[in-house]
Protein backbone atom coordinates (compact mmCIF):
# COMPACT_ATOMS: atom_id res chain seq x y z
CA MET A 1 130.21 206.48 260.78
CA VAL A 2 132.21 206.23 257.58
CA THR A 3 133.17 209.46 255.78
CA ILE A 4 135.37 210.37 252.79
CA ASN A 5 138.94 211.33 253.70
CA LYS A 6 140.46 211.84 250.26
CA LEU A 7 139.34 211.90 246.63
CA GLU A 8 141.41 211.63 243.42
CA LEU A 9 139.88 211.70 239.93
CA GLU A 10 141.25 211.68 236.37
CA ASN A 11 139.47 211.76 233.02
CA VAL A 12 135.96 211.24 234.44
CA LYS A 13 133.26 213.02 232.40
CA ARG A 14 134.39 216.71 232.44
CA ILE A 15 137.16 216.11 235.01
CA LYS A 16 140.76 216.18 233.77
CA THR A 17 142.44 215.84 237.14
CA PHE A 18 141.01 216.62 240.56
CA LYS A 19 142.15 216.03 244.12
CA MET A 20 140.36 216.99 247.30
CA GLN A 21 140.41 216.29 251.02
CA PRO A 22 136.86 217.17 252.17
CA SER A 23 136.34 218.31 255.72
CA ALA A 24 135.72 215.33 258.01
CA LYS A 25 132.51 216.96 259.23
CA GLY A 26 130.44 219.91 258.11
CA LEU A 27 129.76 221.24 254.61
CA THR A 28 132.38 221.11 251.83
CA VAL A 29 131.30 223.20 248.81
CA ILE A 30 132.77 222.59 245.36
CA GLY A 31 132.34 225.86 243.47
CA GLY A 32 132.77 226.97 239.89
CA ASN A 33 130.92 228.23 236.86
CA ASN A 34 128.59 226.11 234.77
CA ALA A 35 129.98 223.16 232.75
CA GLN A 36 133.32 223.13 234.59
CA GLY A 37 133.01 219.66 236.16
CA LYS A 38 131.33 220.20 239.56
CA THR A 39 128.58 217.63 239.04
CA SER A 40 131.13 215.24 237.50
CA VAL A 41 132.85 215.08 240.91
CA LEU A 42 129.63 213.96 242.63
CA ASP A 43 128.83 211.50 239.83
CA ALA A 44 132.30 210.00 240.18
CA ILE A 45 131.90 209.54 243.96
CA ALA A 46 128.49 207.89 243.45
CA TRP A 47 129.95 205.55 240.80
CA ALA A 48 132.96 204.65 242.91
CA LEU A 49 130.95 203.84 246.04
CA GLY A 50 127.49 202.93 244.71
CA GLY A 51 128.41 200.44 242.02
CA GLU A 52 127.63 199.87 238.38
CA ARG A 53 124.10 201.26 238.57
CA TYR A 54 125.67 204.71 239.07
CA ARG A 55 128.08 204.29 236.14
CA PRO A 56 127.73 207.28 233.75
CA SER A 57 126.60 206.41 230.22
CA ASP A 58 129.87 207.89 228.89
CA PRO A 59 132.29 208.03 231.85
CA GLN A 60 135.53 208.79 229.93
CA ARG A 61 136.34 212.47 229.37
CA THR A 62 135.77 213.55 225.79
CA GLY A 63 139.05 213.81 223.89
CA SER A 64 141.03 211.68 226.34
CA THR A 65 142.60 208.38 225.35
CA ILE A 66 143.31 207.46 228.96
CA PRO A 67 140.56 205.52 230.81
CA PRO A 68 138.93 207.06 233.87
CA MET A 69 140.63 206.71 237.25
CA LEU A 70 138.79 207.08 240.55
CA LYS A 71 140.30 206.69 244.00
CA ILE A 72 138.60 207.34 247.32
CA VAL A 73 140.13 206.84 250.76
CA LEU A 74 137.47 206.34 253.45
CA SER A 75 137.65 207.08 257.18
CA ASN A 76 137.46 203.34 257.99
CA GLY A 77 140.69 202.80 256.04
CA LEU A 78 139.14 201.26 252.93
CA ILE A 79 140.61 202.36 249.62
CA VAL A 80 138.15 202.29 246.74
CA GLU A 81 139.52 202.41 243.18
CA ARG A 82 138.16 202.17 239.66
CA LYS A 83 140.70 202.18 236.83
CA GLY A 84 141.76 200.45 233.69
CA LYS A 85 140.00 199.85 230.44
CA ASN A 86 136.88 198.44 232.12
CA SER A 87 137.07 200.68 235.17
CA SER A 88 137.09 197.60 237.38
CA LEU A 89 136.37 198.03 241.08
CA THR A 90 139.04 197.35 243.68
CA VAL A 91 138.33 197.73 247.39
CA THR A 92 141.30 197.27 249.72
CA ASP A 93 140.76 197.09 253.48
CA PRO A 94 143.33 198.19 256.15
CA THR A 95 144.57 194.65 256.63
CA GLY A 96 145.60 194.40 252.98
CA GLN A 97 142.79 192.09 251.98
CA LYS A 98 140.65 192.80 248.97
CA ALA A 99 136.87 193.11 248.99
CA GLY A 100 134.24 194.05 246.44
CA GLN A 101 131.00 196.03 246.23
CA ARG A 102 129.40 194.01 249.00
CA ILE A 103 131.53 195.57 251.72
CA LEU A 104 130.71 199.04 250.42
CA ASP A 105 126.98 198.31 250.41
CA GLU A 106 127.17 197.60 254.13
CA PHE A 107 127.69 201.29 254.95
CA VAL A 108 126.90 203.27 251.77
CA GLU A 109 123.27 204.44 251.60
CA ALA A 110 121.84 204.95 248.10
CA LEU A 111 120.02 208.15 249.04
CA ALA A 112 123.26 209.56 250.48
CA LEU A 113 124.64 209.42 246.94
CA ASP A 114 121.61 211.24 245.58
CA LEU A 115 120.01 213.30 248.38
CA PRO A 116 118.03 215.50 245.93
CA LYS A 117 116.13 212.35 244.90
CA PHE A 118 114.67 212.22 248.40
CA MET A 119 114.13 215.99 248.59
CA HIS A 120 112.24 216.05 245.28
CA ALA A 121 110.05 213.05 246.17
CA SER A 122 106.38 213.62 246.92
CA SER A 123 105.25 214.36 250.47
CA LYS A 124 103.75 210.88 250.73
CA GLU A 125 106.95 209.22 249.49
CA LYS A 126 109.05 211.12 252.03
CA ALA A 127 106.72 210.11 254.85
CA ASN A 128 106.69 206.47 253.70
CA THR A 129 110.49 206.42 253.66
CA LEU A 130 110.56 207.59 257.27
CA LEU A 131 107.87 205.11 258.29
CA GLN A 132 109.85 202.26 256.76
CA ILE A 133 112.87 203.35 258.77
CA ILE A 134 111.11 203.49 262.15
CA GLY A 135 108.94 200.44 261.42
CA VAL A 136 105.52 201.79 262.47
CA GLY A 137 103.96 202.36 259.05
CA ALA A 138 101.13 199.83 259.36
CA GLU A 139 100.23 200.78 262.93
CA LEU A 140 100.35 204.50 262.16
CA ALA A 141 98.22 204.00 259.01
CA GLU A 142 95.60 202.23 261.12
CA LEU A 143 95.59 205.05 263.68
CA GLU A 144 95.39 207.67 260.93
CA CYS A 145 92.49 205.81 259.31
CA GLN A 146 90.77 205.66 262.69
CA GLU A 147 91.48 209.34 263.27
CA LYS A 148 90.07 210.27 259.85
CA GLU A 149 86.90 208.23 260.40
CA GLN A 150 86.37 209.78 263.85
CA TYR A 151 87.04 213.27 262.51
CA ASN A 152 84.60 212.82 259.59
CA GLU A 153 81.94 211.31 261.86
CA ARG A 154 82.36 214.11 264.36
CA LEU A 155 82.19 216.67 261.54
CA THR A 156 78.93 215.14 260.28
CA ILE A 157 77.46 214.95 263.79
CA GLY A 158 78.43 218.55 264.45
CA ARG A 159 76.77 219.76 261.26
CA ILE A 160 73.58 217.84 262.06
CA ALA A 161 73.57 219.21 265.63
CA ASP A 162 73.92 222.76 264.28
CA GLN A 163 71.13 222.15 261.75
CA LYS A 164 68.83 220.72 264.44
CA ALA A 165 69.54 223.61 266.80
CA LYS A 166 68.96 226.16 264.02
CA TYR A 167 65.73 224.40 262.95
CA ALA A 168 64.48 224.34 266.56
CA LYS A 169 65.32 228.02 267.00
CA GLU A 170 63.43 229.01 263.84
CA GLN A 171 60.29 226.97 264.72
CA GLN A 172 57.15 228.78 265.99
CA TYR A 173 55.83 227.89 269.45
CA PHE A 174 52.29 228.29 270.84
CA PRO A 175 52.33 228.12 274.65
CA GLU A 176 48.53 228.44 274.87
CA VAL A 177 47.78 225.09 273.18
CA PRO A 178 47.84 221.70 274.98
CA ASN A 179 50.88 219.41 274.88
CA GLU A 180 48.91 216.59 273.23
CA LEU A 181 46.89 216.55 270.02
CA VAL A 182 43.20 217.28 270.56
CA SER A 183 40.78 214.40 269.78
CA PRO A 184 37.66 215.56 267.80
CA SER A 185 35.75 212.44 268.88
CA GLU A 186 35.90 213.51 272.55
CA LEU A 187 34.54 216.97 271.69
CA LEU A 188 31.80 215.42 269.57
CA LYS A 189 30.86 213.13 272.47
CA GLN A 190 30.58 216.11 274.82
CA GLN A 191 28.49 217.92 272.23
CA GLN A 192 26.18 214.88 271.85
CA GLU A 193 25.62 214.67 275.62
CA ILE A 194 24.63 218.35 275.73
CA LEU A 195 22.28 217.87 272.77
CA ILE A 196 20.63 214.91 274.56
CA ARG A 197 20.09 217.01 277.68
CA ASN A 198 18.76 219.87 275.59
CA GLY A 199 16.42 217.41 273.83
CA GLU A 200 14.99 216.29 277.19
CA ASN A 201 14.38 219.94 278.09
CA GLN A 202 12.56 220.42 274.81
CA ARG A 203 10.43 217.35 275.51
CA GLN A 204 9.39 218.83 278.85
CA ARG A 205 8.57 222.11 277.14
CA ASN A 206 6.43 220.25 274.63
CA ARG A 207 4.71 218.48 277.51
CA LEU A 208 3.90 221.85 279.14
CA HIS A 209 2.56 223.11 275.87
CA GLU A 210 0.35 220.03 275.56
CA ILE A 211 -0.91 220.39 279.15
CA THR A 212 -1.69 224.04 278.59
CA ARG A 213 -3.53 223.22 275.39
CA ASN A 214 -5.52 220.48 277.19
CA LYS A 215 -6.34 222.88 280.01
CA GLU A 216 -7.70 225.37 277.55
CA GLN A 217 -9.78 222.69 275.89
CA ALA A 218 -11.10 221.59 279.31
CA LEU A 219 -12.07 225.17 280.16
CA GLU A 220 -13.84 225.50 276.87
CA ARG A 221 -15.68 222.27 277.52
CA LEU A 222 -16.51 223.45 281.03
CA GLN A 223 -18.08 226.57 279.66
CA GLN A 224 -20.15 224.45 277.32
CA LEU A 225 -21.26 222.31 280.19
CA ASP A 226 -22.22 225.38 282.26
CA ALA A 227 -24.81 226.11 279.61
CA GLN A 228 -26.15 222.66 280.17
CA ILE A 229 -25.49 222.70 283.91
CA GLU A 230 -28.86 221.62 284.79
CA ALA A 231 -28.80 218.54 282.70
CA LEU A 232 -25.22 217.76 283.09
CA SER A 233 -24.39 218.73 286.70
CA ALA A 234 -22.88 215.39 287.43
CA GLN A 235 -20.72 215.66 284.33
CA LYS A 236 -19.79 219.21 285.36
CA ARG A 237 -18.48 218.10 288.71
CA GLY A 238 -16.34 215.49 287.05
CA GLN A 239 -15.05 217.92 284.52
CA ALA A 240 -14.40 220.47 287.25
CA GLU A 241 -12.33 217.91 289.10
CA THR A 242 -10.41 217.20 285.90
CA TYR A 243 -9.81 220.87 285.47
CA LYS A 244 -8.51 221.25 288.99
CA GLN A 245 -6.19 218.33 288.49
CA LEU A 246 -4.87 219.82 285.28
CA VAL A 247 -4.33 223.15 287.04
CA ARG A 248 -2.26 221.40 289.69
CA GLU A 249 -0.26 219.56 287.06
CA GLU A 250 0.23 222.79 285.16
CA GLU A 251 1.59 224.50 288.24
CA THR A 252 3.99 221.61 288.85
CA ALA A 253 5.12 221.56 285.21
CA MET A 254 5.55 225.34 285.18
CA LYS A 255 7.76 225.16 288.26
CA SER A 256 9.92 222.45 286.63
CA VAL A 257 10.14 224.29 283.34
CA ALA A 258 11.04 227.54 285.10
CA GLN A 259 14.09 225.85 286.59
CA LEU A 260 15.34 224.51 283.26
CA GLN A 261 18.32 226.19 281.50
CA ASP A 262 19.61 225.16 278.10
CA GLU A 263 23.44 224.64 277.79
CA SER A 264 25.29 226.35 274.97
CA THR A 265 27.33 224.25 272.48
CA ALA A 266 28.92 227.32 270.93
CA GLU A 267 32.32 226.78 272.61
CA LEU A 268 32.45 223.13 271.54
CA GLU A 269 31.32 224.02 268.04
CA ALA A 270 34.11 226.63 267.87
CA SER A 271 36.63 224.09 269.20
CA ILE A 272 35.53 221.55 266.62
CA ALA A 273 35.71 224.17 263.89
CA HIS A 274 39.24 225.15 264.97
CA ILE A 275 40.54 221.76 265.99
CA GLU A 276 42.81 221.48 262.91
CA GLU A 277 44.34 224.87 263.69
CA ILE A 278 44.93 223.84 267.31
CA ASN A 279 46.45 220.53 266.27
CA ARG A 280 48.65 222.30 263.70
CA LYS A 281 50.10 224.41 266.48
CA VAL A 282 50.49 221.37 268.73
CA ARG A 283 52.40 219.56 265.97
CA ILE A 284 54.67 222.60 265.50
CA ASN A 285 55.39 222.62 269.24
CA MET A 286 56.12 218.89 269.15
CA ASP A 287 58.49 219.36 266.17
CA LYS A 288 60.34 222.12 268.02
CA ASP A 289 60.68 219.96 271.14
CA LYS A 290 61.94 217.04 269.02
CA ALA A 291 64.45 219.25 267.18
CA GLU A 292 65.81 220.58 270.47
CA GLU A 293 66.16 217.06 271.83
CA ASP A 294 67.90 215.92 268.62
CA ALA A 295 70.28 218.87 268.82
CA ARG A 296 71.18 217.98 272.41
CA GLU A 297 71.76 214.32 271.46
CA TYR A 298 73.99 215.19 268.50
CA ALA A 299 75.92 217.66 270.65
CA ARG A 300 76.49 214.85 273.17
CA GLN A 301 77.72 212.54 270.39
CA TYR A 302 80.00 215.31 269.08
CA ASP A 303 81.58 215.69 272.53
CA GLU A 304 82.12 211.91 272.79
CA LEU A 305 83.81 211.83 269.36
CA THR A 306 85.99 214.78 270.35
CA VAL A 307 87.28 212.77 273.31
CA MET A 308 87.84 209.70 271.11
CA LEU A 309 89.66 211.80 268.48
CA ALA A 310 91.92 213.29 271.14
CA GLU A 311 92.76 209.79 272.42
CA THR A 312 93.58 208.59 268.89
CA ARG A 313 95.83 211.57 268.25
CA LYS A 314 97.50 210.99 271.62
CA ALA A 315 98.12 207.36 270.65
CA LYS A 316 99.64 208.49 267.32
CA ALA A 317 101.93 210.95 269.08
CA ALA A 318 103.00 208.27 271.57
CA LEU A 319 103.63 205.78 268.76
CA LEU A 320 105.87 208.18 266.86
CA SER A 321 107.57 209.35 270.05
CA GLU A 322 108.50 205.80 271.00
CA ALA A 323 109.57 204.85 267.47
CA GLY A 324 112.93 206.61 267.62
CA LEU A 325 112.51 209.40 265.07
CA PRO A 326 115.82 210.55 263.55
CA LEU A 327 115.41 214.22 264.48
CA PRO A 328 113.84 216.13 267.41
CA GLY A 329 110.76 217.99 266.22
CA LEU A 330 110.24 215.62 263.28
CA SER A 331 106.92 213.80 262.97
CA ILE A 332 104.29 212.63 260.49
CA LEU A 333 100.80 214.11 260.17
CA ASP A 334 98.21 213.10 257.58
CA GLY A 335 100.85 211.22 255.59
CA GLU A 336 103.28 214.16 255.43
CA LEU A 337 106.54 215.03 257.17
CA ILE A 338 106.24 217.71 259.86
CA TYR A 339 109.31 219.45 261.30
CA ASN A 340 108.92 221.95 264.14
CA GLY A 341 105.25 222.26 263.24
CA GLN A 342 105.83 222.98 259.53
CA ARG A 343 105.04 220.87 256.48
CA TRP A 344 107.73 220.36 253.84
CA ASP A 345 106.71 223.27 251.61
CA ASN A 346 106.75 225.63 254.61
CA MET A 347 110.18 224.56 255.87
CA SER A 348 113.20 226.73 255.17
CA GLY A 349 115.85 225.46 252.77
CA ALA A 350 118.15 224.64 255.69
CA GLU A 351 115.37 222.73 257.46
CA GLN A 352 114.67 220.68 254.33
CA LEU A 353 118.36 219.78 254.05
CA ILE A 354 118.54 218.89 257.75
CA VAL A 355 115.43 216.68 257.61
CA SER A 356 116.60 214.91 254.45
CA THR A 357 120.09 214.27 255.81
CA ALA A 358 118.77 213.04 259.18
CA ILE A 359 116.43 210.56 257.47
CA VAL A 360 119.20 209.28 255.18
CA ARG A 361 121.47 208.84 258.22
CA LYS A 362 118.68 206.90 259.97
CA LEU A 363 118.35 204.62 256.93
CA LYS A 364 121.98 203.55 257.32
CA PRO A 365 123.66 205.01 260.44
CA GLU A 366 127.07 203.75 259.28
CA CYS A 367 126.98 206.17 256.34
CA GLY A 368 128.38 209.48 257.58
CA PHE A 369 128.24 211.51 254.36
CA VAL A 370 125.79 212.84 251.77
CA LEU A 371 126.24 214.30 248.27
CA LEU A 372 124.33 217.42 247.20
CA ASP A 373 124.20 218.99 243.75
CA LYS A 374 123.18 222.53 242.74
CA LEU A 375 123.26 224.29 246.12
CA GLU A 376 123.21 227.65 244.29
CA GLN A 377 119.50 227.54 245.04
CA MET A 378 120.36 228.07 248.71
CA ASP A 379 121.33 231.48 250.10
CA LEU A 380 124.36 231.94 252.33
CA GLU A 381 122.32 231.94 255.52
CA THR A 382 120.83 228.57 254.56
CA LEU A 383 124.34 227.21 253.97
CA ARG A 384 125.45 228.52 257.35
CA SER A 385 122.51 226.91 259.17
CA PHE A 386 122.97 223.60 257.39
CA GLY A 387 126.71 223.63 257.96
CA ASP A 388 126.27 224.34 261.67
CA TRP A 389 123.92 221.40 262.00
CA LEU A 390 126.25 219.04 260.10
CA GLU A 391 129.16 219.89 262.37
CA GLN A 392 127.00 219.50 265.45
CA GLU A 393 125.91 216.05 264.26
CA GLY A 394 129.39 215.02 263.09
CA LEU A 395 128.17 214.49 259.51
CA GLN A 396 129.96 215.19 256.22
CA ALA A 397 128.31 216.79 253.17
CA ILE A 398 129.99 217.33 249.80
CA ALA A 399 128.04 219.74 247.64
CA THR A 400 128.31 221.72 244.41
CA ARG A 401 127.37 225.35 243.84
CA VAL A 402 127.54 227.63 240.82
CA SER A 403 129.75 230.20 242.50
CA THR A 404 133.37 231.21 242.91
CA GLY A 405 132.76 233.05 246.17
CA ASP A 406 134.37 232.61 249.56
CA GLU A 407 131.67 230.17 250.63
CA CYS A 408 133.24 227.59 248.30
CA SER A 409 135.71 225.14 249.85
CA ILE A 410 137.40 224.46 246.49
CA ILE A 411 136.99 225.86 242.97
CA ILE A 412 136.99 223.76 239.80
CA GLU A 413 137.66 225.24 236.39
CA ASP A 414 137.74 223.36 233.08
CA GLY A 415 138.09 220.04 234.88
CA TYR A 416 140.87 221.15 237.24
CA ALA A 417 140.95 222.20 240.87
CA VAL A 418 142.31 225.74 240.63
CA SER A 419 142.30 226.95 244.22
CA PRO A 420 145.77 227.28 245.78
CA GLU A 421 144.82 224.80 248.50
CA ALA A 422 143.66 222.15 246.02
CA SER A 423 145.95 219.50 247.44
CA ALA A 424 145.30 220.50 251.07
CA PRO A 425 142.19 219.62 253.11
CA ALA A 426 139.22 221.57 251.75
CA LYS A 427 137.97 224.34 253.99
CA THR A 428 134.43 224.30 255.29
CA TRP A 429 132.17 227.29 254.94
CA LYS A 430 133.21 228.44 258.44
CA GLU A 431 136.74 229.05 257.23
CA GLY A 432 135.49 231.38 254.48
CA THR A 433 134.72 235.06 254.88
CA PHE A 434 131.15 235.07 253.62
C-alpha cells in the first residue's frame, strides 16, 4: 500500500509555508483554530495526487505573488510536485524517470481524497458502492427482491389465517342440527304419504257409517214388513237374511275400524315450519367448519413461506460471506450497510470511520491513506478507537480538527506549522497525553 511520507506546501490557499511528515500508519491530526489553513492542507494533497479536477478555484494564497508549490514524497518512492506559473504536475519515480497523472491514478482512490463524501452519501449509495466493489450487486438484488416478495406473501397469508381463525372462533355452532341441509321436499313427501293413509282410514270410517245407516234402514223396513207379515212372509224372510248379512258385515267392519289409528303430522308440520331455522343453523355450522379449514390451510402456507424465507436469507448471507467483504461484521441488509448488527445511523462515530475507510481501501487496495476534514465532530474516545484500528490495519489517515489540544499531531496557525516538531515526523494521537 502506498502512503504519504512527506509533505511540503507554499502559498496554497491559506497556507504560507507548511511541512509535515505524517505517521506512516495510524491517525495524524492537523489542529488549529478556524481559518488558519487546516483544510487547505487536505485540499492541496487532493490536488497534488488527484489531478486537475481537485484544483481549487483560486489556489494561490491571497496577497502572494509567488505561485503555489506542492511537493509530496510517497512511500513507493514517487515524488509528486506542482509548481510554476501553471502549477504543472511532475511525477518522478525512483529510477529517475518521469511519469504523469496516469501512474498516480493506479493507486490513488478518489474517495480516499474525500472520505466525507462517502460518509455523507445516502444509505443506498453506500450499499451500492460496496456491492460494486464485491461484484454481487445484481445477484443480491435478485435475492432481496425474492426475500421481499416471500416476506410480503407470508405476511398476507398470516393475516388471512388469523382472520379466518378469528372468524371461525366467533361463529355460532348448533350441535343438535344435522350436518347436511334439510330438504323440504322429503318432509312434504312423508307428510303426503301419511295423509294418504289417513284418507284411507277415513274412507273406511265412511263405509262403516254407510253400513250402519243401511242397517238402520233395513231394520225400519223389517218392522214395516212385520206389520204385513202375513202377506209378505216370503219378503220378510229375504229381508231378515239381508239384515243378518248386514249385521255380520257390520261386526267385521267394526272390528277393522277398531284397529285403525290415525298418524299425527304435527312433528312434520313443525319441521316444515322450522326448516328455514334449521337450515340457517346448518349453514352457520358449515361456515364455521369452512373457516377453520381455511385457517389451517393458510397456517400451512405461512409455515411453508417461513421455510422459503429462511432459505433465501441463508442464501443472501452465504453470497455476502463468499464475496470477500472488506471488514468482519460488515454486511448489507435491505439495501443498507450493517456493521456488527447496526445500521449506519446507529453506528458510533469510530465505527462509521472504520467502515468508510475499509470500503475505500477495498475499492483500491494499493491506496494506503485517507483524508478527513472536520474531525472536531468526533470526541477523543472516537479518535482513540479509530486510531487503534488504523494502526492495526497498517493504514494512514491525515485529518483536520478545530483544536490545539494534545490530540493534535501538528498545529497550524495563520498558514504556518507552529509546533516545535513541525519539521520532524508528526506524532500520532498515541504519542499525545489526551
